Amino acid sequence: MNLGPDDRLFDMKVSDLRALLLDTVRDVMEQQRTGETGELLTTGELAKLMKVSPDTARKWRRQGCPHVPVGERKLRWRLSDVLRWREELRRG
């Protein structure tokens, strides 16, 4: 298939592509900063998996449960960290 200079493979504005690339780079940098690449969960996803309310998950955060800041106002949870924290609490 020969494409000419006027043929488009996709229709995306440069500004949209730039925003997508910046988001991807931020995600990769966050994974490198934390040293882990495990799947990050929202508070709602964590609550559903743990069978608790989102308010309980937020309470855990205030009690010291590990979480990953994402941007200025968001956070995510790594299930393995939460399970490890809960087990440490049970053991005392």
PDB file of N, CA and C in Angstrom:
ATOM      1  N   MET A   1       0.849  -1.165   0.000  1.00  0.00           N
ATOM      2  CA  MET A   1       0.000   0.000   0.000  1.00  0.00           C
ATOM      3  C   MET A   1       0.900   1.234   0.000  1.00  0.00           C
ATOM      4  N   ASN A   2       0.712   2.079  -0.967  1.00  0.00           N
ATOM      5  CA  ASN A   2       1.484   3.312  -1.064  1.00  0.00           C
ATOM      6  C   ASN A   2       0.634   4.479  -0.591  1.00  0.00           C
ATOM      7  N   LEU A   3       1.159   5.217   0.342  1.00  0.00           N
ATOM      8  CA  LEU A   3       0.450   6.381   0.866  1.00  0.00           C
ATOM      9  C   LEU A   3       1.116   7.650   0.365  1.00  0.00           C
ATOM     10  N   GLY A   4       0.296   8.581  -0.068  1.00  0.00           N
ATOM     11  CA  GLY A   4       0.810   9.872  -0.491  1.00  0.00           C
ATOM     12  C   GLY A   4       0.856  10.829   0.682  1.00  0.00           C
ATOM     13  N   PRO A   5       1.437  11.997   0.484  1.00  0.00           N
ATOM     14  CA  PRO A   5       1.558  12.963   1.581  1.00  0.00           C
ATOM     15  C   PRO A   5       0.216  13.458   2.105  1.00  0.00           C
ATOM     16  N   ASP A   6      -0.843  13.348   1.305  1.00  0.00           N
ATOM     17  CA  ASP A   6      -2.153  13.812   1.755  1.00  0.00           C
ATOM     18  C   ASP A   6      -2.990  12.711   2.400  1.00  0.00           C
ATOM     19  N   ASP A   7      -2.501  11.473   2.366  1.00  0.00           N
ATOM     20  CA  ASP A   7      -3.243  10.363   2.976  1.00  0.00           C
ATOM     21  C   ASP A   7      -3.020  10.377   4.484  1.00  0.00           C
ATOM     22  N   ARG A   8      -4.109  10.127   5.217  1.00  0.00           N
ATOM     23  CA  ARG A   8      -4.021  10.123   6.683  1.00  0.00           C
ATOM     24  C   ARG A   8      -4.266   8.717   7.209  1.00  0.00           C
ATOM     25  N   LEU A   9      -3.434   8.285   8.115  1.00  0.00           N
ATOM     26  CA  LEU A   9      -3.654   7.006   8.778  1.00  0.00           C
ATOM     27  C   LEU A   9      -4.645   7.166   9.913  1.00  0.00           C
ATOM     28  N   PHE A  10      -4.677   8.332  10.504  1.00  0.00           N
ATOM     29  CA  PHE A  10      -5.625   8.625  11.575  1.00  0.00           C
ATOM     30  C   PHE A  10      -5.862  10.128  11.597  1.00  0.00           C
ATOM     31  N   ASP A  11      -6.921  10.507  12.240  1.00  0.00           N
ATOM     32  CA  ASP A  11      -7.277  11.922  12.301  1.00  0.00           C
ATOM     33  C   ASP A  11      -7.210  12.381  13.754  1.00  0.00           C
ATOM     34  N   MET A  12      -6.071  12.961  14.127  1.00  0.00           N
ATOM     35  CA  MET A  12      -5.882  13.413  15.497  1.00  0.00           C
ATOM     36  C   MET A  12      -5.155  14.749  15.468  1.00  0.00           C
ATOM     37  N   LYS A  13      -5.624  15.670  16.276  1.00  0.00           N
ATOM     38  CA  LYS A  13      -4.955  16.966  16.370  1.00  0.00           C
ATOM     39  C   LYS A  13      -3.624  16.795  17.087  1.00  0.00           C
ATOM     40  N   VAL A  14      -2.678  17.625  16.722  1.00  0.00           N
ATOM     41  CA  VAL A  14      -1.362  17.586  17.363  1.00  0.00           C
ATOM     42  C   VAL A  14      -1.499  17.819  18.864  1.00  0.00           C
ATOM     43  N   SER A  15      -2.379  18.722  19.265  1.00  0.00           N
ATOM     44  CA  SER A  15      -2.550  18.998  20.696  1.00  0.00           C
ATOM     45  C   SER A  15      -3.101  17.775  21.437  1.00  0.00           C
ATOM     46  N   ASP A  16      -3.986  17.008  20.786  1.00  0.00           N
ATOM     47  CA  ASP A  16      -4.516  15.788  21.401  1.00  0.00           C
ATOM     48  C   ASP A  16      -3.427  14.728  21.536  1.00  0.00           C
ATOM     49  N   LEU A  17      -2.619  14.604  20.494  1.00  0.00           N
ATOM     50  CA  LEU A  17      -1.519  13.641  20.531  1.00  0.00           C
ATOM     51  C   LEU A  17      -0.512  14.025  21.611  1.00  0.00           C
ATOM     52  N   ARG A  18      -0.224  15.319  21.716  1.00  0.00           N
ATOM     53  CA  ARG A  18       0.705  15.799  22.740  1.00  0.00           C
ATOM     54  C   ARG A  18       0.180  15.477  24.139  1.00  0.00           C
ATOM     55  N   ALA A  19      -1.105  15.716  24.384  1.00  0.00           N
ATOM     56  CA  ALA A  19      -1.697  15.430  25.694  1.00  0.00           C
ATOM     57  C   ALA A  19      -1.634  13.938  26.005  1.00  0.00           C
ATOM     58  N   LEU A  20      -1.904  13.106  25.013  1.00  0.00           N
ATOM     59  CA  LEU A  20      -1.841  11.659  25.197  1.00  0.00           C
ATOM     60  C   LEU A  20      -0.424  11.215  25.552  1.00  0.00           C
ATOM     61  N   LEU A  21       0.554  11.748  24.843  1.00  0.00           N
ATOM     62  CA  LEU A  21       1.947  11.398  25.127  1.00  0.00           C
ATOM     63  C   LEU A  21       2.369  11.859  26.518  1.00  0.00           C
ATOM     64  N   LEU A  22       1.970  13.064  26.905  1.00  0.00           N
ATOM     65  CA  LEU A  22       2.320  13.565  28.238  1.00  0.00           C
ATOM     66  C   LEU A  22       1.710  12.697  29.333  1.00  0.00           C
ATOM     67  N   ASP A  23       0.465  12.283  29.166  1.00  0.00           N
ATOM     68  CA  ASP A  23      -0.171  11.402  30.148  1.00  0.00           C
ATOM     69  C   ASP A  23       0.573  10.080  30.255  1.00  0.00           C
ATOM     70  N   THR A  24       0.973   9.531  29.116  1.00  0.00           N
ATOM     71  CA  THR A  24       1.694   8.260  29.107  1.00  0.00           C
ATOM     72  C   THR A  24       3.047   8.401  29.798  1.00  0.00           C
ATOM     73  N   VAL A  25       3.757   9.471  29.504  1.00  0.00           N
ATOM     74  CA  VAL A  25       5.063   9.708  30.136  1.00  0.00           C
ATOM     75  C   VAL A  25       4.901   9.870  31.643  1.00  0.00           C
ATOM     76  N   ARG A  26       3.885  10.606  32.079  1.00  0.00           N
ATOM     77  CA  ARG A  26       3.643  10.772  33.521  1.00  0.00           C
ATOM     78  C   ARG A  26       3.383   9.426  34.190  1.00  0.00           C
ATOM     79  N   ASP A  27       2.582   8.581  33.543  1.00  0.00           N
ATOM     80  CA  ASP A  27       2.293   7.259  34.103  1.00  0.00           C
ATOM     81  C   ASP A  27       3.570   6.438  34.257  1.00  0.00           C
ATOM     82  N   VAL A  28       4.410   6.440  33.235  1.00  0.00           N
ATOM     83  CA  VAL A  28       5.661   5.672  33.279  1.00  0.00           C
ATOM     84  C   VAL A  28       6.585   6.227  34.358  1.00  0.00           C
ATOM     85  N   MET A  29       6.674   7.542  34.466  1.00  0.00           N
ATOM     86  CA  MET A  29       7.527   8.150  35.494  1.00  0.00           C
ATOM     87  C   MET A  29       7.026   7.806  36.890  1.00  0.00           C
ATOM     88  N   GLU A  30       5.721   7.776  37.089  1.00  0.00           N
ATOM     89  CA  GLU A  30       5.161   7.415  38.392  1.00  0.00           C
ATOM     90  C   GLU A  30       5.497   5.968  38.736  1.00  0.00           C
ATOM     91  N   GLN A  31       5.418   5.082  37.749  1.00  0.00           N
ATOM     92  CA  GLN A  31       5.766   3.683  37.985  1.00  0.00           C
ATOM     93  C   GLN A  31       7.237   3.556  38.348  1.00  0.00           C
ATOM     94  N   GLN A  32       8.089   4.307  37.681  1.00  0.00           N
ATOM     95  CA  GLN A  32       9.514   4.261  38.001  1.00  0.00           C
ATOM     96  C   GLN A  32       9.785   4.847  39.377  1.00  0.00           C
ATOM     97  N   ARG A  33       9.074   5.909  39.731  1.00  0.00           N
ATOM     98  CA  ARG A  33       9.270   6.550  41.038  1.00  0.00           C
ATOM     99  C   ARG A  33       8.900   5.609  42.171  1.00  0.00           C
ATOM    100  N   THR A  34       7.810   4.869  42.002  1.00  0.00           N
ATOM    101  CA  THR A  34       7.367   3.970  43.060  1.00  0.00           C
ATOM    102  C   THR A  34       8.115   2.646  43.033  1.00  0.00           C
ATOM    103  N   GLY A  35       8.818   2.371  41.918  1.00  0.00           N
ATOM    104  CA  GLY A  35       9.576   1.133  41.825  1.00  0.00           C
ATOM    105  C   GLY A  35       8.724  -0.091  41.570  1.00  0.00           C
ATOM    106  N   GLU A  36       7.455   0.103  41.296  1.00  0.00           N
ATOM    107  CA  GLU A  36       6.572  -1.022  41.039  1.00  0.00           C
ATOM    108  C   GLU A  36       5.719  -0.717  39.827  1.00  0.00           C
ATOM    109  N   THR A  37       5.279  -1.770  39.185  1.00  0.00           N
ATOM    110  CA  THR A  37       4.427  -1.587  38.019  1.00  0.00           C
ATOM    111  C   THR A  37       3.106  -2.315  38.181  1.00  0.00           C
ATOM    112  N   GLY A  38       2.761  -2.695  39.424  1.00  0.00           N
ATOM    113  CA  GLY A  38       1.493  -3.372  39.658  1.00  0.00           C
ATOM    114  C   GLY A  38       0.317  -2.490  39.301  1.00  0.00           C
ATOM    115  N   GLU A  39      -0.795  -3.117  39.009  1.00  0.00           N
ATOM    116  CA  GLU A  39      -1.980  -2.376  38.614  1.00  0.00           C
ATOM    117  C   GLU A  39      -2.454  -1.476  39.750  1.00  0.00           C
ATOM    118  N   LEU A  40      -2.740  -0.243  39.418  1.00  0.00           N
ATOM    119  CA  LEU A  40      -3.226   0.713  40.402  1.00  0.00           C
ATOM    120  C   LEU A  40      -4.742   0.784  40.326  1.00  0.00           C
ATOM    121  N   LEU A  41      -5.385   0.757  41.489  1.00  0.00           N
ATOM    122  CA  LEU A  41      -6.842   0.739  41.576  1.00  0.00           C
ATOM    123  C   LEU A  41      -7.368   2.068  42.081  1.00  0.00           C
ATOM    124  N   THR A  42      -8.557   2.431  41.630  1.00  0.00           N
ATOM    125  CA  THR A  42      -9.235   3.593  42.200  1.00  0.00           C
ATOM    126  C   THR A  42      -9.786   3.196  43.565  1.00  0.00           C
ATOM    127  N   THR A  43     -10.237   4.177  44.334  1.00  0.00           N
ATOM    128  CA  THR A  43     -10.834   3.889  45.637  1.00  0.00           C
ATOM    129  C   THR A  43     -12.067   3.003  45.471  1.00  0.00           C
ATOM    130  N   GLY A  44     -12.882   3.285  44.468  1.00  0.00           N
ATOM    131  CA  GLY A  44     -14.071   2.469  44.217  1.00  0.00           C
ATOM    132  C   GLY A  44     -13.731   1.037  43.856  1.00  0.00           C
ATOM    133  N   GLU A  45     -12.712   0.844  43.017  1.00  0.00           N
ATOM    134  CA  GLU A  45     -12.293  -0.502  42.633  1.00  0.00           C
ATOM    135  C   GLU A  45     -11.754  -1.271  43.835  1.00  0.00           C
ATOM    136  N   LEU A  46     -10.947  -0.594  44.652  1.00  0.00           N
ATOM    137  CA  LEU A  46     -10.408  -1.234  45.854  1.00  0.00           C
ATOM    138  C   LEU A  46     -11.531  -1.644  46.795  1.00  0.00           C
ATOM    139  N   ALA A  47     -12.474  -0.731  47.018  1.00  0.00           N
ATOM    140  CA  ALA A  47     -13.594  -1.015  47.923  1.00  0.00           C
ATOM    141  C   ALA A  47     -14.379  -2.228  47.441  1.00  0.00           C
ATOM    142  N   LYS A  48     -14.619  -2.299  46.156  1.00  0.00           N
ATOM    143  CA  LYS A  48     -15.379  -3.427  45.600  1.00  0.00           C
ATOM    144  C   LYS A  48     -14.620  -4.745  45.788  1.00  0.00           C
ATOM    145  N   LEU A  49     -13.322  -4.732  45.501  1.00  0.00           N
ATOM    146  CA  LEU A  49     -12.515  -5.945  45.664  1.00  0.00           C
ATOM    147  C   LEU A  49     -12.433  -6.399  47.120  1.00  0.00           C
ATOM    148  N   MET A  50     -12.340  -5.432  48.033  1.00  0.00           N
ATOM    149  CA  MET A  50     -12.201  -5.751  49.455  1.00  0.00           C
ATOM    150  C   MET A  50     -13.553  -5.917  50.149  1.00  0.00           C
ATOM    151  N   LYS A  51     -14.639  -5.663  49.405  1.00  0.00           N
ATOM    152  CA  LYS A  51     -16.005  -5.785  49.932  1.00  0.00           C
ATOM    153  C   LYS A  51     -16.228  -4.864  51.131  1.00  0.00           C
ATOM    154  N   VAL A  52     -15.795  -3.615  50.945  1.00  0.00           N
ATOM    155  CA  VAL A  52     -16.013  -2.565  51.941  1.00  0.00           C
ATOM    156  C   VAL A  52     -16.547  -1.337  51.200  1.00  0.00           C
ATOM    157  N   SER A  53     -16.978  -0.346  51.943  1.00  0.00           N
ATOM    158  CA  SER A  53     -17.455   0.887  51.313  1.00  0.00           C
ATOM    159  C   SER A  53     -16.259   1.762  50.925  1.00  0.00           C
ATOM    160  N   PRO A  54     -16.440   2.657  49.958  1.00  0.00           N
ATOM    161  CA  PRO A  54     -15.372   3.606  49.642  1.00  0.00           C
ATOM    162  C   PRO A  54     -14.975   4.451  50.858  1.00  0.00           C
ATOM    163  N   ASP A  55     -15.935   4.754  51.741  1.00  0.00           N
ATOM    164  CA  ASP A  55     -15.604   5.501  52.964  1.00  0.00           C
ATOM    165  C   ASP A  55     -14.628   4.727  53.840  1.00  0.00           C
ATOM    166  N   THR A  56     -14.791   3.403  53.908  1.00  0.00           N
ATOM    167  CA  THR A  56     -13.859   2.574  54.687  1.00  0.00           C
ATOM    168  C   THR A  56     -12.464   2.633  54.077  1.00  0.00           C
ATOM    169  N   ALA A  57     -12.370   2.573  52.752  1.00  0.00           N
ATOM    170  CA  ALA A  57     -11.063   2.669  52.092  1.00  0.00           C
ATOM    171  C   ALA A  57     -10.417   4.020  52.388  1.00  0.00           C
ATOM    172  N   ARG A  58     -11.204   5.080  52.363  1.00  0.00           N
ATOM    173  CA  ARG A  58     -10.655   6.409  52.689  1.00  0.00           C
ATOM    174  C   ARG A  58     -10.200   6.469  54.153  1.00  0.00           C
ATOM    175  N   LYS A  59     -10.918   5.785  55.033  1.00  0.00           N
ATOM    176  CA  LYS A  59     -10.529   5.712  56.448  1.00  0.00           C
ATOM    177  C   LYS A  59      -9.187   4.990  56.580  1.00  0.00           C
ATOM    178  N   TRP A  60      -9.008   3.918  55.814  1.00  0.00           N
ATOM    179  CA  TRP A  60      -7.739   3.190  55.833  1.00  0.00           C
ATOM    180  C   TRP A  60      -6.591   4.120  55.443  1.00  0.00           C
ATOM    181  N   ARG A  61      -6.830   4.979  54.436  1.00  0.00           N
ATOM    182  CA  ARG A  61      -5.784   5.913  54.010  1.00  0.00           C
ATOM    183  C   ARG A  61      -5.383   6.815  55.171  1.00  0.00           C
ATOM    184  N   ARG A  62      -6.372   7.334  55.890  1.00  0.00           N
ATOM    185  CA  ARG A  62      -6.083   8.206  57.042  1.00  0.00           C
ATOM    186  C   ARG A  62      -5.356   7.442  58.151  1.00  0.00           C
ATOM    187  N   GLN A  63      -5.573   6.131  58.219  1.00  0.00           N
ATOM    188  CA  GLN A  63      -4.920   5.303  59.238  1.00  0.00           C
ATOM    189  C   GLN A  63      -3.530   4.845  58.814  1.00  0.00           C
ATOM    190  N   GLY A  64      -3.102   5.218  57.602  1.00  0.00           N
ATOM    191  CA  GLY A  64      -1.746   4.902  57.176  1.00  0.00           C
ATOM    192  C   GLY A  64      -1.612   3.841  56.113  1.00  0.00           C
ATOM    193  N   CYS A  65      -2.700   3.398  55.532  1.00  0.00           N
ATOM    194  CA  CYS A  65      -2.621   2.397  54.466  1.00  0.00           C
ATOM    195  C   CYS A  65      -1.851   2.982  53.279  1.00  0.00           C
ATOM    196  N   PRO A  66      -0.897   2.224  52.728  1.00  0.00           N
ATOM    197  CA  PRO A  66      -0.112   2.736  51.602  1.00  0.00           C
ATOM    198  C   PRO A  66      -0.994   3.026  50.389  1.00  0.00           C
ATOM    199  N   HIS A  67      -0.703   4.133  49.735  1.00  0.00           N
ATOM    200  CA  HIS A  67      -1.405   4.514  48.517  1.00  0.00           C
ATOM    201  C   HIS A  67      -0.429   5.279  47.633  1.00  0.00           C
ATOM    202  N   VAL A  68      -0.801   5.464  46.391  1.00  0.00           N
ATOM    203  CA  VAL A  68       0.073   6.118  45.422  1.00  0.00           C
ATOM    204  C   VAL A  68      -0.581   7.417  44.961  1.00  0.00           C
ATOM    205  N   PRO A  69       0.033   8.568  45.259  1.00  0.00           N
ATOM    206  CA  PRO A  69      -0.516   9.828  44.738  1.00  0.00           C
ATOM    207  C   PRO A  69      -0.375   9.868  43.216  1.00  0.00           C
ATOM    208  N   VAL A  70      -1.418  10.292  42.549  1.00  0.00           N
ATOM    209  CA  VAL A  70      -1.402  10.425  41.090  1.00  0.00           C
ATOM    210  C   VAL A  70      -1.876  11.840  40.777  1.00  0.00           C
ATOM    211  N   GLY A  71      -0.979  12.676  40.355  1.00  0.00           N
ATOM    212  CA  GLY A  71      -1.345  14.070  40.129  1.00  0.00           C
ATOM    213  C   GLY A  71      -1.481  14.799  41.452  1.00  0.00           C
ATOM    214  N   GLU A  72      -2.180  15.922  41.404  1.00  0.00           N
ATOM    215  CA  GLU A  72      -2.294  16.755  42.597  1.00  0.00           C
ATOM    216  C   GLU A  72      -3.397  16.315  43.538  1.00  0.00           C
ATOM    217  N   ARG A  73      -4.493  15.764  43.005  1.00  0.00           N
ATOM    218  CA  ARG A  73      -5.651  15.490  43.850  1.00  0.00           C
ATOM    219  C   ARG A  73      -6.135  14.051  43.798  1.00  0.00           C
ATOM    220  N   LYS A  74      -5.455  13.197  43.078  1.00  0.00           N
ATOM    221  CA  LYS A  74      -5.917  11.821  42.938  1.00  0.00           C
ATOM    222  C   LYS A  74      -4.965  10.876  43.653  1.00  0.00           C
ATOM    223  N   LEU A  75      -5.486   9.719  43.988  1.00  0.00           N
ATOM    224  CA  LEU A  75      -4.630   8.671  44.526  1.00  0.00           C
ATOM    225  C   LEU A  75      -5.115   7.332  44.000  1.00  0.00           C
ATOM    226  N   ARG A  76      -4.234   6.375  44.030  1.00  0.00           N
ATOM    227  CA  ARG A  76      -4.557   5.017  43.609  1.00  0.00           C
ATOM    228  C   ARG A  76      -4.011   4.066  44.660  1.00  0.00           C
ATOM    229  N   TRP A  77      -4.460   2.850  44.567  1.00  0.00           N
ATOM    230  CA  TRP A  77      -4.090   1.813  45.530  1.00  0.00           C
ATOM    231  C   TRP A  77      -3.494   0.628  44.784  1.00  0.00           C
ATOM    232  N   ARG A  78      -2.483   0.012  45.377  1.00  0.00           N
ATOM    233  CA  ARG A  78      -1.928  -1.235  44.856  1.00  0.00           C
ATOM    234  C   ARG A  78      -2.426  -2.329  45.790  1.00  0.00           C
ATOM    235  N   LEU A  79      -3.195  -3.262  45.257  1.00  0.00           N
ATOM    236  CA  LEU A  79      -3.850  -4.279  46.079  1.00  0.00           C
ATOM    237  C   LEU A  79      -2.852  -5.012  46.965  1.00  0.00           C
ATOM    238  N   SER A  80      -1.689  -5.359  46.441  1.00  0.00           N
ATOM    239  CA  SER A  80      -0.698  -6.090  47.241  1.00  0.00           C
ATOM    240  C   SER A  80      -0.260  -5.277  48.461  1.00  0.00           C
ATOM    241  N   ASP A  81      -0.118  -3.959  48.312  1.00  0.00           N
ATOM    242  CA  ASP A  81       0.257  -3.102  49.444  1.00  0.00           C
ATOM    243  C   ASP A  81      -0.844  -3.062  50.499  1.00  0.00           C
ATOM    244  N   VAL A  82      -2.091  -2.966  50.042  1.00  0.00           N
ATOM    245  CA  VAL A  82      -3.225  -2.908  50.971  1.00  0.00           C
ATOM    246  C   VAL A  82      -3.338  -4.217  51.747  1.00  0.00           C
ATOM    247  N   LEU A  83      -3.220  -5.341  51.049  1.00  0.00           N
ATOM    248  CA  LEU A  83      -3.317  -6.643  51.722  1.00  0.00           C
ATOM    249  C   LEU A  83      -2.193  -6.822  52.740  1.00  0.00           C
ATOM    250  N   ARG A  84      -0.987  -6.399  52.383  1.00  0.00           N
ATOM    251  CA  ARG A  84       0.161  -6.498  53.299  1.00  0.00           C
ATOM    252  C   ARG A  84      -0.082  -5.628  54.533  1.00  0.00           C
ATOM    253  N   TRP A  85      -0.586  -4.412  54.339  1.00  0.00           N
ATOM    254  CA  TRP A  85      -0.882  -3.496  55.444  1.00  0.00           C
ATOM    255  C   TRP A  85      -1.944  -4.080  56.366  1.00  0.00           C
ATOM    256  N   ARG A  86      -2.998  -4.646  55.799  1.00  0.00           N
ATOM    257  CA  ARG A  86      -4.069  -5.243  56.602  1.00  0.00           C
ATOM    258  C   ARG A  86      -3.531  -6.423  57.419  1.00  0.00           C
ATOM    259  N   GLU A  87      -2.675  -7.219  56.820  1.00  0.00           N
ATOM    260  CA  GLU A  87      -2.097  -8.366  57.531  1.00  0.00           C
ATOM    261  C   GLU A  87      -1.206  -7.891  58.686  1.00  0.00           C
ATOM    262  N   GLU A  88      -0.431  -6.840  58.461  1.00  0.00           N
ATOM    263  CA  GLU A  88       0.416  -6.291  59.532  1.00  0.00           C
ATOM    264  C   GLU A  88      -0.435  -5.786  60.692  1.00  0.00           C
ATOM    265  N   LEU A  89      -1.576  -5.178  60.393  1.00  0.00           N
ATOM    266  CA  LEU A  89      -2.478  -4.713  61.454  1.00  0.00           C
ATOM    267  C   LEU A  89      -3.014  -5.888  62.270  1.00  0.00           C
ATOM    268  N   ARG A  90      -3.370  -6.960  61.593  1.00  0.00           N
ATOM    269  CA  ARG A  90      -3.914  -8.136  62.290  1.00  0.00           C
ATOM    270  C   ARG A  90      -2.881  -8.767  63.213  1.00  0.00           C
ATOM    271  N   ARG A  91      -1.638  -8.784  62.771  1.00  0.00           N
ATOM    272  CA  ARG A  91      -0.578  -9.401  63.573  1.00  0.00           C
ATOM    273  C   ARG A  91      -0.180  -8.532  64.760  1.00  0.00           C
ATOM    274  N   GLY A  92      -0.457  -7.234  64.627  1.00  0.00           N
ATOM    275  CA  GLY A  92      -0.139  -6.308  65.722  1.00  0.00           C
ATOM    276  C   GLY A  92       1.239  -5.888  65.677  1.00  0.00           C
TER     277      GLY A  92
END
